[in-house]
Amino acid sequence: MKKTIITIERQYGSGGSIIGKLAAEKLGISCYNRQILEMTAERCGIAPEYLESAEENVPTSFLYSLLLSANPGRTMEENLPLSDKVFLMESRIINEIADNEKSFVLVGRCGSYILEDKGCFSVYIYANPEYRMKRAIKEYEINENKAESVMKKADKRRETFYNVNTGRVWQDKDQYSLCLNSAELGDELCAEIIVKAYTEYNARFAD
């Protein structure tokens, strides 16, 4: 039976994490989100918060080239900045999960790229800035005066981490199987659409 792997990329405050969890519950499968970061941190003995902050410091290709040339005696992975090591370690863990579990939902962590060869169904959740800021204030308890800056910083971090590690554009909707506006649809309907769309999509390729 074909694997049920759904990946979700999402704008900050769009509710992508909640939608992913709802979709997983409807399908009766696991949902991975921050657990990937925590598993990576445990494996390498580093605090999750430190690894998360490393994602904000993705090097440019020029700086990366300088780093490699400055340390020719070290292995390629040893030369990598922590931000790139995070991506490699998370990729290994995600692939291990995919090898061991028949079905799951993965939120973030470049899942649509990492699991592309395994036939994942990729989803992008977005919403207008006003909706996302209101959600951040109400549900995430972000200070009203800081909501916009927090949102922009989070989106920039996710976009940079995704773009640098995949060579793609995070907000390019053409690369996803399904894109949903959570401000218009709401969390529950988004989850229902994901389940319905994936079920029909998966049926096309059933043996």
C-alpha atoms as a PDB file:
ATOM      1  CA  MET A   1       0.000   0.000   0.000  1.00  0.00           C
ATOM      2  CA  LYS A   2       1.293   3.462  -0.910  1.00  0.00           C
ATOM      3  CA  LYS A   3       2.682   5.573   1.899  1.00  0.00           C
ATOM      4  CA  THR A   4       0.598   8.480   3.158  1.00  0.00           C
ATOM      5  CA  ILE A   5       3.116  11.277   3.569  1.00  0.00           C
ATOM      6  CA  ILE A   6       1.809  14.838   3.702  1.00  0.00           C
ATOM      7  CA  THR A   7       4.205  17.756   4.075  1.00  0.00           C
ATOM      8  CA  ILE A   8       3.120  21.240   5.091  1.00  0.00           C
ATOM      9  CA  GLU A   9       4.990  24.498   4.631  1.00  0.00           C
ATOM     10  CA  ARG A  10       3.286  27.481   6.236  1.00  0.00           C
ATOM     11  CA  GLN A  11       3.523  31.190   6.838  1.00  0.00           C
ATOM     12  CA  TYR A  12       3.848  32.274  10.459  1.00  0.00           C
ATOM     13  CA  GLY A  13       0.433  32.698  12.070  1.00  0.00           C
ATOM     14  CA  SER A  14      -1.422  30.905   9.259  1.00  0.00           C
ATOM     15  CA  GLY A  15      -2.263  27.966  11.525  1.00  0.00           C
ATOM     16  CA  GLY A  16      -0.285  25.442   9.495  1.00  0.00           C
ATOM     17  CA  SER A  17       0.831  23.514  12.563  1.00  0.00           C
ATOM     18  CA  ILE A  18      -2.721  23.167  13.868  1.00  0.00           C
ATOM     19  CA  ILE A  19      -4.038  22.269  10.419  1.00  0.00           C
ATOM     20  CA  GLY A  20      -1.356  19.595  10.043  1.00  0.00           C
ATOM     21  CA  LYS A  21      -2.282  18.103  13.406  1.00  0.00           C
ATOM     22  CA  LEU A  22      -5.999  18.130  12.527  1.00  0.00           C
ATOM     23  CA  ALA A  23      -5.347  16.419   9.182  1.00  0.00           C
ATOM     24  CA  ALA A  24      -3.214  13.771  10.893  1.00  0.00           C
ATOM     25  CA  GLU A  25      -5.938  13.105  13.465  1.00  0.00           C
ATOM     26  CA  LYS A  26      -8.538  12.693  10.719  1.00  0.00           C
ATOM     27  CA  LEU A  27      -6.285  10.193   8.946  1.00  0.00           C
ATOM     28  CA  GLY A  28      -5.274   8.441  12.179  1.00  0.00           C
ATOM     29  CA  ILE A  29      -1.552   8.995  11.570  1.00  0.00           C
ATOM     30  CA  SER A  30       1.328  10.747  13.360  1.00  0.00           C
ATOM     31  CA  CYS A  31       2.173  14.418  12.957  1.00  0.00           C
ATOM     32  CA  TYR A  32       5.744  15.674  13.283  1.00  0.00           C
ATOM     33  CA  ASN A  33       6.608  19.316  13.757  1.00  0.00           C
ATOM     34  CA  ARG A  34       8.977  20.637  16.399  1.00  0.00           C
ATOM     35  CA  GLN A  35       9.669  17.032  17.386  1.00  0.00           C
ATOM     36  CA  ILE A  36      12.140  16.858  14.484  1.00  0.00           C
ATOM     37  CA  LEU A  37      14.179  19.712  15.947  1.00  0.00           C
ATOM     38  CA  GLU A  38      14.028  18.126  19.409  1.00  0.00           C
ATOM     39  CA  MET A  39      15.127  14.730  18.056  1.00  0.00           C
ATOM     40  CA  THR A  40      18.013  16.414  16.233  1.00  0.00           C
ATOM     41  CA  ALA A  41      19.031  18.311  19.361  1.00  0.00           C
ATOM     42  CA  GLU A  42      18.942  15.152  21.471  1.00  0.00           C
ATOM     43  CA  ARG A  43      21.030  13.251  18.959  1.00  0.00           C
ATOM     44  CA  CYS A  44      23.778  15.861  18.864  1.00  0.00           C
ATOM     45  CA  GLY A  45      23.539  17.007  22.497  1.00  0.00           C
ATOM     46  CA  ILE A  46      22.593  20.612  21.760  1.00  0.00           C
ATOM     47  CA  ALA A  47      19.657  22.612  23.129  1.00  0.00           C
ATOM     48  CA  PRO A  48      16.731  22.862  20.655  1.00  0.00           C
ATOM     49  CA  GLU A  49      16.672  26.646  21.058  1.00  0.00           C
ATOM     50  CA  TYR A  50      20.306  26.841  19.937  1.00  0.00           C
ATOM     51  CA  LEU A  51      19.657  24.757  16.831  1.00  0.00           C
ATOM     52  CA  GLU A  52      16.591  26.814  16.023  1.00  0.00           C
ATOM     53  CA  SER A  53      18.567  30.035  16.203  1.00  0.00           C
ATOM     54  CA  ALA A  54      21.175  28.521  13.882  1.00  0.00           C
ATOM     55  CA  GLU A  55      18.549  28.374  11.159  1.00  0.00           C
ATOM     56  CA  GLU A  56      18.501  32.178  11.201  1.00  0.00           C
ATOM     57  CA  ASN A  57      22.162  32.331  10.254  1.00  0.00           C
ATOM     58  CA  VAL A  58      22.225  30.556   6.916  1.00  0.00           C
ATOM     59  CA  PRO A  59      25.496  31.433   5.119  1.00  0.00           C
ATOM     60  CA  THR A  60      25.692  32.831   1.612  1.00  0.00           C
ATOM     61  CA  SER A  61      27.331  30.674  -1.032  1.00  0.00           C
ATOM     62  CA  PHE A  62      30.310  33.085  -1.129  1.00  0.00           C
ATOM     63  CA  LEU A  63      30.975  32.800   2.604  1.00  0.00           C
ATOM     64  CA  TYR A  64      30.482  29.056   2.409  1.00  0.00           C
ATOM     65  CA  SER A  65      33.121  28.811  -0.330  1.00  0.00           C
ATOM     66  CA  LEU A  66      35.561  30.801   1.776  1.00  0.00           C
ATOM     67  CA  LEU A  67      34.967  28.495   4.714  1.00  0.00           C
ATOM     68  CA  LEU A  68      35.703  25.411   2.627  1.00  0.00           C
ATOM     69  CA  SER A  69      38.879  26.858   1.140  1.00  0.00           C
ATOM     70  CA  ALA A  70      40.120  27.907   4.583  1.00  0.00           C
ATOM     71  CA  ASN A  71      39.899  24.352   5.938  1.00  0.00           C
ATOM     72  CA  PRO A  72      40.941  21.998   3.106  1.00  0.00           C
ATOM     73  CA  GLY A  73      42.026  19.211   5.489  1.00  0.00           C
ATOM     74  CA  ARG A  74      38.592  18.742   7.037  1.00  0.00           C
ATOM     75  CA  THR A  75      35.732  16.711   5.641  1.00  0.00           C
ATOM     76  CA  MET A  76      32.918  18.416   3.785  1.00  0.00           C
ATOM     77  CA  GLU A  77      30.469  17.955   6.674  1.00  0.00           C
ATOM     78  CA  GLU A  78      32.971  19.191   9.257  1.00  0.00           C
ATOM     79  CA  ASN A  79      33.371  22.365   7.228  1.00  0.00           C
ATOM     80  CA  LEU A  80      29.674  23.071   7.187  1.00  0.00           C
ATOM     81  CA  PRO A  81      28.253  25.900   9.317  1.00  0.00           C
ATOM     82  CA  LEU A  82      25.853  24.781  12.046  1.00  0.00           C
ATOM     83  CA  SER A  83      22.850  25.977  10.008  1.00  0.00           C
ATOM     84  CA  ASP A  84      23.737  23.524   7.228  1.00  0.00           C
ATOM     85  CA  LYS A  85      24.485  20.734   9.695  1.00  0.00           C
ATOM     86  CA  VAL A  86      21.012  21.249  11.162  1.00  0.00           C
ATOM     87  CA  PHE A  87      19.487  20.693   7.733  1.00  0.00           C
ATOM     88  CA  LEU A  88      21.559  17.561   7.109  1.00  0.00           C
ATOM     89  CA  MET A  89      20.783  16.065  10.514  1.00  0.00           C
ATOM     90  CA  GLU A  90      17.086  16.865  10.238  1.00  0.00           C
ATOM     91  CA  SER A  91      17.025  15.376   6.735  1.00  0.00           C
ATOM     92  CA  ARG A  92      18.472  12.101   8.026  1.00  0.00           C
ATOM     93  CA  ILE A  93      15.932  11.894  10.830  1.00  0.00           C
ATOM     94  CA  ILE A  94      13.040  12.714   8.474  1.00  0.00           C
ATOM     95  CA  ASN A  95      14.179  10.039   6.025  1.00  0.00           C
ATOM     96  CA  GLU A  96      14.522   7.536   8.875  1.00  0.00           C
ATOM     97  CA  ILE A  97      10.931   8.259   9.897  1.00  0.00           C
ATOM     98  CA  ALA A  98       9.807   7.834   6.288  1.00  0.00           C
ATOM     99  CA  ASP A  99      11.608   4.493   6.085  1.00  0.00           C
ATOM    100  CA  ASN A 100      10.091   3.214   9.328  1.00  0.00           C
ATOM    101  CA  GLU A 101       6.574   4.656   9.281  1.00  0.00           C
ATOM    102  CA  LYS A 102       4.039   4.013   6.549  1.00  0.00           C
ATOM    103  CA  SER A 103       2.200   7.292   7.017  1.00  0.00           C
ATOM    104  CA  PHE A 104       2.617  10.661   8.734  1.00  0.00           C
ATOM    105  CA  VAL A 105       2.240  14.422   8.396  1.00  0.00           C
ATOM    106  CA  LEU A 106       5.344  16.605   8.537  1.00  0.00           C
ATOM    107  CA  VAL A 107       5.087  20.336   9.232  1.00  0.00           C
ATOM    108  CA  GLY A 108       7.989  22.505   8.053  1.00  0.00           C
ATOM    109  CA  ARG A 109      11.672  21.474   7.982  1.00  0.00           C
ATOM    110  CA  CYS A 110      11.813  21.536   4.145  1.00  0.00           C
ATOM    111  CA  GLY A 111       9.765  18.343   4.138  1.00  0.00           C
ATOM    112  CA  SER A 112       8.349  18.862   0.651  1.00  0.00           C
ATOM    113  CA  TYR A 113      11.899  18.866  -0.717  1.00  0.00           C
ATOM    114  CA  ILE A 114      13.410  16.149   1.480  1.00  0.00           C
ATOM    115  CA  LEU A 115      10.580  13.683   0.875  1.00  0.00           C
ATOM    116  CA  GLU A 116       9.861  14.550  -2.743  1.00  0.00           C
ATOM    117  CA  ASP A 117      11.329  11.277  -4.029  1.00  0.00           C
ATOM    118  CA  LYS A 118       9.064   9.345  -1.661  1.00  0.00           C
ATOM    119  CA  GLY A 119       5.975  10.742  -3.339  1.00  0.00           C
ATOM    120  CA  CYS A 120       4.810  13.135  -0.650  1.00  0.00           C
ATOM    121  CA  PHE A 121       1.728  15.315  -1.052  1.00  0.00           C
ATOM    122  CA  SER A 122       2.953  18.863  -0.421  1.00  0.00           C
ATOM    123  CA  VAL A 123       0.758  21.607   1.025  1.00  0.00           C
ATOM    124  CA  TYR A 124       1.354  25.335   1.496  1.00  0.00           C
ATOM    125  CA  ILE A 125      -0.737  27.261   4.049  1.00  0.00           C
ATOM    126  CA  TYR A 126      -0.905  31.038   3.814  1.00  0.00           C
ATOM    127  CA  ALA A 127      -3.064  33.950   4.938  1.00  0.00           C
ATOM    128  CA  ASN A 128      -3.123  37.738   4.818  1.00  0.00           C
ATOM    129  CA  PRO A 129      -0.856  39.619   7.279  1.00  0.00           C
ATOM    130  CA  GLU A 130      -3.744  41.067   9.300  1.00  0.00           C
ATOM    131  CA  TYR A 131      -5.192  37.632  10.004  1.00  0.00           C
ATOM    132  CA  ARG A 132      -1.808  36.218  10.926  1.00  0.00           C
ATOM    133  CA  MET A 133      -0.971  39.049  13.303  1.00  0.00           C
ATOM    134  CA  LYS A 134      -4.341  38.744  15.056  1.00  0.00           C
ATOM    135  CA  ARG A 135      -3.754  35.036  15.449  1.00  0.00           C
ATOM    136  CA  ALA A 136      -0.265  35.574  16.838  1.00  0.00           C
ATOM    137  CA  ILE A 137      -1.625  38.001  19.423  1.00  0.00           C
ATOM    138  CA  LYS A 138      -4.590  35.862  20.446  1.00  0.00           C
ATOM    139  CA  GLU A 139      -3.234  32.299  20.244  1.00  0.00           C
ATOM    140  CA  TYR A 140       0.534  32.721  20.573  1.00  0.00           C
ATOM    141  CA  GLU A 141       0.231  35.545  23.144  1.00  0.00           C
ATOM    142  CA  ILE A 142       2.587  37.796  21.188  1.00  0.00           C
ATOM    143  CA  ASN A 143       2.677  41.431  22.317  1.00  0.00           C
ATOM    144  CA  GLU A 144       0.460  43.509  20.028  1.00  0.00           C
ATOM    145  CA  ASN A 145       3.222  46.044  19.431  1.00  0.00           C
ATOM    146  CA  LYS A 146       5.651  43.304  18.400  1.00  0.00           C
ATOM    147  CA  ALA A 147       3.351  41.051  16.387  1.00  0.00           C
ATOM    148  CA  GLU A 148       4.265  42.428  12.964  1.00  0.00           C
ATOM    149  CA  SER A 149       8.021  42.274  13.540  1.00  0.00           C
ATOM    150  CA  VAL A 150       7.785  38.767  15.010  1.00  0.00           C
ATOM    151  CA  MET A 151       5.760  37.615  12.004  1.00  0.00           C
ATOM    152  CA  LYS A 152       8.176  39.107   9.478  1.00  0.00           C
ATOM    153  CA  LYS A 153      11.212  37.687  11.273  1.00  0.00           C
ATOM    154  CA  ALA A 154       9.693  34.195  11.472  1.00  0.00           C
ATOM    155  CA  ASP A 155       8.693  34.228   7.800  1.00  0.00           C
ATOM    156  CA  LYS A 156      12.133  35.453   6.779  1.00  0.00           C
ATOM    157  CA  ARG A 157      13.830  32.708   8.793  1.00  0.00           C
ATOM    158  CA  ARG A 158      11.654  30.003   7.263  1.00  0.00           C
ATOM    159  CA  GLU A 159      12.045  31.418   3.771  1.00  0.00           C
ATOM    160  CA  THR A 160      15.822  31.736   3.997  1.00  0.00           C
ATOM    161  CA  PHE A 161      16.297  28.282   5.505  1.00  0.00           C
ATOM    162  CA  TYR A 162      14.108  26.721   2.802  1.00  0.00           C
ATOM    163  CA  ASN A 163      15.511  28.668  -0.150  1.00  0.00           C
ATOM    164  CA  VAL A 164      19.170  28.135   0.728  1.00  0.00           C
ATOM    165  CA  ASN A 165      18.840  24.432   1.496  1.00  0.00           C
ATOM    166  CA  THR A 166      16.552  23.500  -1.397  1.00  0.00           C
ATOM    167  CA  GLY A 167      17.525  25.926  -4.139  1.00  0.00           C
ATOM    168  CA  ARG A 168      13.820  26.712  -4.508  1.00  0.00           C
ATOM    169  CA  VAL A 169      11.534  29.594  -3.562  1.00  0.00           C
ATOM    170  CA  TRP A 170       9.542  28.934  -0.391  1.00  0.00           C
ATOM    171  CA  GLN A 171       6.519  31.003  -1.428  1.00  0.00           C
ATOM    172  CA  ASP A 172       6.374  29.718  -5.015  1.00  0.00           C
ATOM    173  CA  LYS A 173       2.950  28.079  -4.989  1.00  0.00           C
ATOM    174  CA  ASP A 174       3.587  26.245  -8.270  1.00  0.00           C
ATOM    175  CA  GLN A 175       5.831  23.728  -6.493  1.00  0.00           C
ATOM    176  CA  TYR A 176       3.162  22.492  -4.069  1.00  0.00           C
ATOM    177  CA  SER A 177       0.395  19.951  -4.653  1.00  0.00           C
ATOM    178  CA  LEU A 178      -2.126  22.115  -2.792  1.00  0.00           C
ATOM    179  CA  CYS A 179      -2.197  25.711  -1.510  1.00  0.00           C
ATOM    180  CA  LEU A 180      -4.800  26.889   1.002  1.00  0.00           C
ATOM    181  CA  ASN A 181      -5.751  30.302   2.364  1.00  0.00           C
ATOM    182  CA  SER A 182      -6.518  29.607   6.023  1.00  0.00           C
ATOM    183  CA  ALA A 183      -7.951  33.096   6.584  1.00  0.00           C
ATOM    184  CA  GLU A 184     -10.704  32.330   4.068  1.00  0.00           C
ATOM    185  CA  LEU A 185     -11.220  28.655   4.845  1.00  0.00           C
ATOM    186  CA  GLY A 186     -10.451  28.197   8.545  1.00  0.00           C
ATOM    187  CA  ASP A 187      -8.409  25.440  10.174  1.00  0.00           C
ATOM    188  CA  GLU A 188     -11.022  22.694  10.165  1.00  0.00           C
ATOM    189  CA  LEU A 189     -11.985  23.095   6.509  1.00  0.00           C
ATOM    190  CA  CYS A 190      -8.328  23.302   5.471  1.00  0.00           C
ATOM    191  CA  ALA A 191      -7.687  19.984   7.234  1.00  0.00           C
ATOM    192  CA  GLU A 192     -10.738  18.419   5.605  1.00  0.00           C
ATOM    193  CA  ILE A 193      -9.648  19.619   2.158  1.00  0.00           C
ATOM    194  CA  ILE A 194      -6.151  18.217   2.675  1.00  0.00           C
ATOM    195  CA  VAL A 195      -7.527  14.803   3.651  1.00  0.00           C
ATOM    196  CA  LYS A 196     -10.023  14.762   0.767  1.00  0.00           C
ATOM    197  CA  ALA A 197      -7.514  15.986  -1.820  1.00  0.00           C
ATOM    198  CA  TYR A 198      -4.817  13.580  -0.696  1.00  0.00           C
ATOM    199  CA  THR A 199      -7.209  10.634  -0.590  1.00  0.00           C
ATOM    200  CA  GLU A 200      -8.280  11.248  -4.190  1.00  0.00           C
ATOM    201  CA  TYR A 201      -4.713  12.022  -5.269  1.00  0.00           C
ATOM    202  CA  ASN A 202      -3.435   8.825  -3.684  1.00  0.00           C
ATOM    203  CA  ALA A 203      -6.208   6.761  -5.315  1.00  0.00           C
ATOM    204  CA  ARG A 204      -4.861   7.683  -8.737  1.00  0.00           C
ATOM    205  CA  PHE A 205      -1.602   5.907  -8.024  1.00  0.00           C
ATOM    206  CA  ALA A 206      -2.966   2.940  -6.088  1.00  0.00           C
ATOM    207  CA  ASP A 207      -1.754  -0.451  -7.263  1.00  0.00           C
END
